[in-house]
Structures are given as C-alpha cells and as structure tokens.
Protein backbone atom coordinates (compact mmCIF):
# COMPACT_ATOMS: atom_id res chain seq x y z
CA MET A 1 -7.48 8.57 19.89
CA ALA A 2 -3.87 7.82 20.76
CA VAL A 3 -1.07 9.37 18.72
CA PHE A 4 2.50 8.17 19.11
CA ASP A 5 5.90 8.28 17.46
CA SER A 6 7.89 5.05 17.28
CA TYR A 7 7.05 4.44 20.95
CA GLY A 8 3.73 3.24 19.62
CA PHE A 9 5.28 -0.12 18.68
CA SER A 10 5.77 -0.80 22.40
CA VAL A 11 2.15 0.19 23.00
CA MET A 12 1.09 -2.40 20.40
CA ASP A 13 3.04 -5.08 22.22
CA ASP A 14 1.45 -4.09 25.53
CA LEU A 15 -2.06 -4.18 24.05
CA SER A 16 -1.31 -7.56 22.47
CA GLU A 17 -0.11 -8.95 25.80
CA ARG A 18 -3.45 -7.90 27.31
CA LYS A 19 -5.26 -9.32 24.25
CA GLU A 20 -6.95 -5.96 23.73
CA PRO A 21 -8.14 -5.32 20.14
CA PHE A 22 -6.87 -2.22 18.36
CA PHE A 23 -6.65 -0.57 14.96
CA PHE A 24 -3.48 1.24 13.91
CA MET A 25 -1.98 3.36 11.14
CA VAL A 26 1.71 4.05 10.48
CA ASP A 27 2.88 6.68 7.99
CA PHE A 28 5.32 6.01 5.14
CA LEU A 29 8.38 7.38 6.96
CA VAL A 30 7.48 5.50 10.17
CA GLU A 31 7.48 8.83 12.00
CA LYS A 32 3.83 9.00 13.00
CA MET A 33 1.50 6.35 14.32
CA GLU A 34 -2.12 6.36 15.44
CA ILE A 35 -3.61 3.58 17.55
CA PHE A 36 -7.33 3.25 18.24
CA THR A 37 -9.27 1.04 20.60
CA LEU A 38 -12.76 0.02 19.49
CA GLU A 39 -14.25 2.90 21.45
CA GLU A 40 -11.83 5.39 19.88
CA ILE A 41 -12.63 4.09 16.36
CA ASN A 42 -16.25 5.06 16.90
CA GLU A 43 -15.43 8.38 18.58
CA LYS A 44 -13.20 9.42 15.67
CA GLY A 45 -15.74 8.34 13.05
CA LEU A 46 -13.35 5.96 11.32
CA ILE A 47 -15.10 3.56 8.96
CA ILE A 48 -13.20 0.35 8.37
CA ASP A 49 -13.92 -2.58 6.07
CA PHE A 50 -11.46 -5.45 6.55
CA LYS A 51 -12.08 -9.18 6.53
CA ASN A 52 -12.44 -9.31 10.33
CA ILE A 53 -13.71 -5.83 11.20
CA LYS A 54 -16.47 -3.73 9.67
CA THR A 55 -17.65 -0.46 11.21
CA GLY A 56 -20.35 1.95 10.08
CA ALA A 57 -23.72 1.10 8.60
CA ALA A 58 -23.93 0.34 4.88
CA LYS A 59 -25.11 3.21 2.69
CA ASP A 60 -26.28 3.35 -0.91
CA VAL A 61 -24.82 5.99 -3.21
CA LYS A 62 -27.31 6.29 -6.06
CA GLN A 63 -26.22 9.48 -7.79
CA GLN A 64 -24.58 9.34 -11.20
CA ILE A 65 -20.85 9.40 -10.55
CA ARG A 66 -18.60 12.07 -12.01
CA TRP A 67 -14.86 11.47 -11.86
CA LYS A 68 -12.13 13.41 -13.67
CA ALA A 69 -8.39 13.34 -13.06
CA PHE A 70 -5.85 16.00 -14.01
CA PRO A 71 -2.49 14.21 -14.26
CA GLU A 72 0.69 16.22 -14.55
CA SER A 73 2.33 16.42 -17.96
CA LEU A 74 4.79 13.83 -19.21
CA GLU A 75 7.50 16.49 -18.98
CA SER A 76 6.71 17.14 -15.32
CA TYR A 77 6.60 13.42 -14.49
CA ALA A 78 9.91 12.93 -16.30
CA LYS A 79 11.85 15.22 -13.96
CA GLY A 80 11.63 12.81 -11.03
CA PHE A 81 11.77 9.76 -13.29
CA HIS A 82 15.14 10.82 -14.71
CA LYS A 83 16.50 11.45 -11.20
CA VAL A 84 15.51 7.91 -10.31
CA GLN A 85 17.11 6.51 -13.46
CA GLN A 86 20.37 8.34 -12.73
CA HIS A 87 20.59 6.64 -9.35
CA LEU A 88 19.71 3.26 -10.87
CA ARG A 89 22.50 3.62 -13.46
CA LYS A 90 24.96 4.42 -10.67
CA GLY A 91 23.94 1.27 -8.83
CA ASN A 92 22.48 3.15 -5.86
CA SER A 93 19.26 1.11 -6.10
CA TYR A 94 17.78 -1.81 -8.03
CA LEU A 95 14.15 -0.78 -7.73
CA VAL A 96 12.52 2.55 -6.80
CA ASN A 97 8.80 3.00 -6.24
CA TYR A 98 8.15 6.46 -7.75
CA THR A 99 4.76 8.03 -6.99
CA ARG A 100 2.88 11.19 -7.93
CA LYS A 101 0.02 13.31 -6.62
CA THR A 102 -2.86 14.04 -9.02
CA PRO A 103 -5.80 16.44 -8.51
CA VAL A 104 -9.18 14.81 -9.11
CA GLU A 105 -12.68 16.25 -9.34
CA THR A 106 -15.76 14.26 -8.38
CA ASN A 107 -19.26 14.79 -7.06
CA LEU A 108 -18.50 12.19 -4.37
CA SER A 109 -17.40 12.93 -0.83
CA LEU A 110 -14.60 10.92 0.75
CA GLU A 111 -17.22 8.94 2.67
CA GLU A 112 -19.20 8.22 -0.51
CA ILE A 113 -16.01 7.03 -2.22
CA PHE A 114 -15.60 4.58 0.65
CA TYR A 115 -19.10 3.18 0.23
CA ILE A 116 -19.01 2.79 -3.54
CA SER A 117 -15.53 1.27 -3.69
CA GLY A 118 -14.76 -2.41 -3.98
CA ALA A 119 -11.51 -3.59 -2.39
CA LYS A 120 -10.04 -6.07 0.07
CA TYR A 121 -9.19 -3.26 2.50
CA LYS A 122 -11.03 0.05 2.86
CA VAL A 123 -10.71 2.88 5.40
CA TYR A 124 -12.36 6.28 5.61
CA TYR A 125 -10.69 8.83 7.89
CA PRO A 126 -13.09 11.81 8.18
CA GLY A 127 -11.78 15.01 6.65
CA ARG A 128 -8.45 13.47 5.72
CA PHE A 129 -8.43 10.51 3.34
CA VAL A 130 -9.98 7.33 2.04
CA PHE A 131 -8.25 4.34 0.50
CA PHE A 132 -9.36 1.12 -1.18
CA SER A 133 -6.33 -1.15 -1.20
CA PRO A 134 -5.96 -4.60 -2.77
CA GLU A 135 -2.56 -5.25 -1.13
CA THR A 136 -1.99 -7.16 2.11
CA PHE A 137 1.13 -6.21 4.06
CA VAL A 138 1.46 -8.93 6.73
CA GLU A 139 -0.94 -11.35 8.36
CA ILE A 140 -0.06 -12.96 11.69
CA HIS A 141 -1.99 -16.01 12.92
CA LYS A 142 -0.58 -17.37 16.18
CA ASP A 143 3.06 -18.19 15.32
CA LYS A 144 2.69 -17.89 11.53
CA ILE A 145 3.40 -14.74 9.50
CA CYS A 146 2.87 -14.16 5.79
CA THR A 147 3.15 -11.25 3.39
CA HIS A 148 1.66 -10.72 -0.08
CA PRO A 149 3.77 -8.30 -2.15
CA MET A 150 1.92 -6.89 -5.16
CA LYS A 151 4.19 -5.62 -7.92
CA GLY A 152 3.39 -5.42 -11.62
CA THR A 153 0.19 -4.28 -13.34
CA ILE A 154 -1.19 -4.16 -16.86
CA ASP A 155 -4.35 -2.99 -18.60
CA ALA A 156 -6.54 -6.09 -18.63
CA SER A 157 -8.01 -5.17 -22.03
CA GLU A 158 -4.70 -5.71 -23.83
CA ALA A 159 -4.46 -8.81 -25.97
CA ASP A 160 -2.87 -11.69 -23.99
CA ALA A 161 -2.55 -9.32 -21.02
CA GLU A 162 -1.88 -12.04 -18.44
CA GLN A 163 0.92 -13.62 -20.45
CA LYS A 164 2.42 -10.22 -21.21
CA LEU A 165 2.48 -9.43 -17.50
CA ARG A 166 3.96 -12.79 -16.54
CA ASN A 167 6.60 -12.70 -19.27
CA SER A 168 7.61 -9.03 -19.21
CA ILE A 169 11.33 -8.90 -18.42
CA LYS A 170 10.90 -5.58 -16.64
CA GLU A 171 7.86 -6.63 -14.59
CA LYS A 172 9.46 -9.96 -13.66
CA ALA A 173 12.66 -8.24 -12.54
CA GLU A 174 10.61 -5.83 -10.43
CA HIS A 175 8.57 -8.65 -8.90
CA TYR A 176 11.61 -10.83 -8.17
CA THR A 177 13.38 -7.91 -6.48
CA VAL A 178 10.45 -7.28 -4.14
CA ILE A 179 10.09 -10.99 -3.34
CA ASP A 180 13.78 -11.21 -2.46
CA LEU A 181 13.55 -8.06 -0.35
CA LEU A 182 10.51 -9.20 1.62
CA ARG A 183 11.84 -12.73 2.03
CA ASN A 184 14.92 -11.19 3.66
CA ASP A 185 12.70 -8.88 5.76
CA LEU A 186 10.61 -11.77 7.06
CA SER A 187 13.79 -13.67 7.91
CA MET A 188 14.52 -11.03 10.56
CA VAL A 189 11.44 -12.09 12.52
CA ALA A 190 10.70 -15.61 11.28
CA ASP A 191 12.31 -18.95 10.49
CA ASP A 192 11.60 -21.37 7.63
CA VAL A 193 10.68 -18.50 5.29
CA SER A 194 9.41 -19.70 1.91
CA VAL A 195 7.59 -18.48 -1.20
CA ASP A 196 4.30 -20.37 -1.16
CA CYS A 197 2.48 -18.76 -4.09
CA PHE A 198 4.40 -17.20 -6.99
CA GLN A 199 3.13 -14.67 -9.53
CA ARG A 200 -0.58 -14.96 -8.80
CA ILE A 201 -2.60 -12.75 -11.16
CA ASP A 202 -5.58 -10.85 -9.75
CA LEU A 203 -8.23 -8.88 -11.63
CA ILE A 204 -8.91 -5.38 -10.26
CA ARG A 205 -12.18 -3.94 -11.60
CA THR A 206 -12.54 -0.18 -11.99
CA ARG A 207 -14.96 2.21 -13.61
CA GLN A 208 -12.42 3.37 -16.21
CA LYS A 209 -10.65 0.11 -17.04
CA ASN A 210 -9.83 -3.25 -15.51
CA LEU A 211 -6.28 -4.03 -14.40
CA LEU A 212 -4.34 -7.23 -13.83
CA ALA A 213 -1.98 -7.20 -10.84
CA MET A 214 0.74 -9.71 -9.99
CA SER A 215 1.25 -10.92 -6.39
CA SER A 216 3.14 -13.61 -4.51
CA GLU A 217 2.87 -15.01 -0.98
CA ILE A 218 5.78 -15.44 1.41
CA SER A 219 5.43 -17.05 4.85
CA GLY A 220 7.39 -18.20 7.88
CA THR A 221 7.21 -19.24 11.54
CA LEU A 222 7.82 -16.45 14.04
CA LYS A 223 11.05 -16.55 15.99
CA GLU A 224 10.51 -17.13 19.69
CA GLY A 225 11.31 -13.52 20.67
CA PHE A 226 8.59 -12.12 18.36
CA TYR A 227 5.67 -14.36 19.24
CA GLY A 228 2.78 -12.19 20.53
CA LYS A 229 4.63 -8.95 19.77
CA PRO A 230 3.12 -7.34 16.65
CA GLY A 231 4.70 -3.97 17.42
CA SER A 232 8.21 -5.41 17.59
CA ILE A 233 7.57 -7.26 14.32
CA LEU A 234 6.38 -4.14 12.49
CA ARG A 235 9.29 -2.11 13.85
CA LYS A 236 11.61 -4.56 12.06
CA LEU A 237 9.66 -4.76 8.79
CA LEU A 238 8.79 -1.10 8.10
CA PRO A 239 8.76 0.75 5.82
CA ALA A 240 7.02 -1.73 3.53
CA GLY A 241 9.41 -2.92 0.84
CA SER A 242 6.80 -3.31 -1.92
CA ILE A 243 6.15 0.45 -2.03
CA LEU A 244 9.73 1.51 -1.33
CA GLY A 245 12.33 -0.50 -3.26
CA ALA A 246 15.73 -2.04 -2.68
CA PRO A 247 18.01 -1.51 -0.88
CA LYS A 248 15.66 0.23 1.54
CA HIS A 249 17.72 3.00 3.13
CA LYS A 250 19.36 4.36 -0.03
CA THR A 251 16.14 3.97 -2.01
CA LEU A 252 14.27 6.04 0.56
CA ASP A 253 16.75 8.90 0.00
CA ILE A 254 16.15 8.63 -3.76
CA ILE A 255 12.37 8.75 -3.31
CA LEU A 256 12.56 11.86 -1.14
CA GLU A 257 14.72 13.56 -3.76
CA ALA A 258 12.64 12.54 -6.78
CA GLU A 259 9.13 13.05 -5.41
CA ASN A 260 9.71 16.24 -3.41
CA THR A 261 6.23 15.86 -1.85
CA PRO A 262 5.65 14.19 1.52
CA ARG A 263 3.64 10.97 1.24
CA GLY A 264 2.23 11.15 4.76
CA TYR A 265 0.02 8.11 5.36
CA TYR A 266 0.00 7.20 1.66
CA THR A 267 2.00 3.94 1.22
CA GLY A 268 2.16 3.57 4.98
CA ILE A 269 0.38 0.62 6.54
CA CYS A 270 -2.64 0.08 8.74
CA GLY A 271 -4.07 -2.95 10.41
CA TRP A 272 -6.43 -4.62 12.84
CA PHE A 273 -5.41 -6.74 15.82
CA ASP A 274 -8.40 -8.73 17.07
CA GLY A 275 -6.85 -9.79 20.38
CA GLU A 276 -5.12 -12.82 18.88
CA ASN A 277 -4.26 -12.25 15.23
CA LEU A 278 -3.23 -9.34 13.03
CA ASP A 279 -4.24 -8.38 9.47
CA SER A 280 -2.61 -5.39 7.81
CA CYS A 281 -2.46 -3.71 4.41
CA VAL A 282 -0.45 -1.19 2.44
CA MET A 283 -2.35 2.09 2.10
CA ILE A 284 -2.48 2.45 -1.68
CA ARG A 285 -5.31 3.51 -4.04
CA PHE A 286 -5.41 6.56 -1.82
CA VAL A 287 -7.50 9.76 -2.08
CA GLU A 288 -6.64 12.60 0.30
CA GLN A 289 -8.27 15.94 0.98
CA GLU A 290 -6.29 19.16 1.33
CA ASN A 291 -7.98 22.57 1.62
CA GLY A 292 -11.09 21.29 -0.12
CA GLN A 293 -9.19 19.71 -3.05
CA LEU A 294 -8.98 15.95 -3.57
CA TYR A 295 -5.77 14.30 -4.71
CA PHE A 296 -5.20 10.74 -5.88
CA ARG A 297 -1.81 9.16 -5.15
CA SER A 298 -0.41 6.62 -7.60
CA GLY A 299 2.84 5.34 -9.03
CA GLY A 300 4.88 2.26 -9.81
CA GLY A 301 8.21 0.51 -9.57
CA ILE A 302 11.07 1.89 -11.68
CA THR A 303 14.01 -0.27 -12.77
CA HIS A 304 16.85 0.40 -15.20
CA MET A 305 14.66 -1.24 -17.88
CA SER A 306 11.73 1.14 -17.34
CA VAL A 307 10.47 3.18 -20.28
CA LEU A 308 9.38 6.73 -19.42
CA GLU A 309 6.15 6.71 -21.44
CA GLU A 310 5.09 3.29 -20.12
CA GLU A 311 5.65 4.23 -16.48
CA TYR A 312 3.80 7.50 -16.97
CA GLN A 313 0.85 5.58 -18.43
CA GLU A 314 0.90 3.10 -15.51
CA MET A 315 0.77 5.99 -13.05
CA LYS A 316 -2.28 7.36 -14.89
CA ASN A 317 -3.92 3.91 -15.17
CA LYS A 318 -4.02 3.67 -11.39
CA ILE A 319 -5.96 6.92 -10.98
CA TYR A 320 -9.35 5.26 -11.06
CA ALA A 321 -12.77 5.57 -9.54
CA PRO A 322 -13.06 2.37 -7.49
CA VAL A 323 -16.45 1.27 -8.80
CA TYR A 324 -17.58 -1.00 -11.58
C-alpha cells in the first residue's frame, strides 16, 4: 500500500504515463491519499465493485437483516444548520453541503454490508469503512472528461414525487448552483464544456424507502496539457463541488465550523485507472467503524431557502440499509 500527501497526484501521472493500473482514494480535505496497485489491492483486502473492476468472490448473506439508526435530535442538528444559514444570509456562500454522523446498529459486518448493497460504486476497506455510492465524480476516456453531479433527493413514495423534485425552487437552485460550479471546474482542464444531460431522475432503492435523486452530466475535451495526466486533473478539480458547495474555499471554512467533526474519507473521492481510462466516484452512502461502533454519514445541500425540518428529514432519509 502506498500512502501519500498531495505528492500522490504526481505519482498518479507517473503511473498513467507507464499505463500501469491503480486504485486510489483521496480524503475530503485533499490532505491524505492512498494509491494501490492490483497486487496491493489484494494484499490490503480491499473489495471493489466498479463497472470495470471487481475484486473478491461473491458471497451470499442469508441472515435476517437488523438495521437501526439513532439520529441526533432536531435541536442538535439545528445548531450547525443555523450557523450555515447565518453565513448564507451574509452572502459568504450560495450553497453549503452540511453533513452529520449517526450511530447505527446492525447484525451485519462492514463486509456483509458490502455484499448485500446495491450501488453503482462499492468499496469495502477492512476495519475502516464501506460505502455504496450512486454518484460518479469524473470519467476520463482518452481526451474526453465528464462529471455527473447529483444534487436533490425526495422520498419516492410522495405523490407526484418526480415533478415535485423537478419543480422545487429550492432543489432547482441547489442543482443549478452545482452545475455552474462543476462546469467552471471542468473548464480549468477542458475545452468545449457543455451540459449534455440535465436533471435526470434516478430511482435509488433501499430497505426503508425508495428515493428519487436528480443528476446532470457535464462534459468537455481535455486541454492539451492535461491529456494522460489524471493526477494533475484531480489536483485542479478537488475537493468535489457537489459535496462541498460554492464558492469552494469560503464554503469549506463554513463546513468545518458547522460540522465540527472531521469527515476523513467520507465525501472524498476514489477511482480506478485501468491503464488508459479513469472512472471515479464521490464516497457517499458511507458507513465507518470507530472503536467497534458503526456510524452512517449523511447530509444535504443547504441554501437560503432551506427549511430546518425538511433538511433534517432529508439527512435521516439517507441513513438507509442499502438492500431491497
């Protein structure tokens, strides 16, 4: 296993130049990075399920699943929420992704959670965490780069849920802000940046309830100086705007003040470079283990139009067992 600070971006570029496959993880603050060759993936016991890489043999989990979450009170959640709203009213940010840490109890191990979960991206890191993320960060195929920001969710069981999500003034403002942010981010490394798919609605199935999530797709053609250099590209784009907010630097200060709990790898990114192309995701729907206790990380985007009780409910809605 190789562990680096920001120097790891140069290591990525070197591995890419040699067309050597690797898996990587970068934490939320872009302070810690881990890079694994195929051999190191197996040595560390990482289990990965992406479109183009699958490690570990399939296992059946046949026991009856128990899953119980213990969210903080509305009053506790409100302390950070009101700090965020104060900054929004002052114009210090337009959108802040505010997240919380919730104890959960289950008869499943982290590894079993990995095997029973259904998601586009899944990773199990032994003794540390598991995540089952639906959100792509960036994909790079030769000279093309695209990103798929996911912002805006609703309980799928609500009447006319899809139309409510599409037409919500708050959710639309949040989605538009992230699209604008990531379009500007991609413009640092790519030309001819465009929004190719707008407000796509995806169904996310869970054991507790189904959710609808809103995504868009933004793409461009890599600038000449970034072709074949995934590390240099990620250095420019991180941290991921969809789980941070806008503007990035001031919003990061607000998050650190409001949350008062380090995110670590939660809402960082990870990805797989196959020797030619790169596929990466945002590490959300995240369960971590600390001193024998499991915690689920969840949250949502806060704007000046956000309603405390609705945001609190969204945070709780996302604390789900990833099976159906």
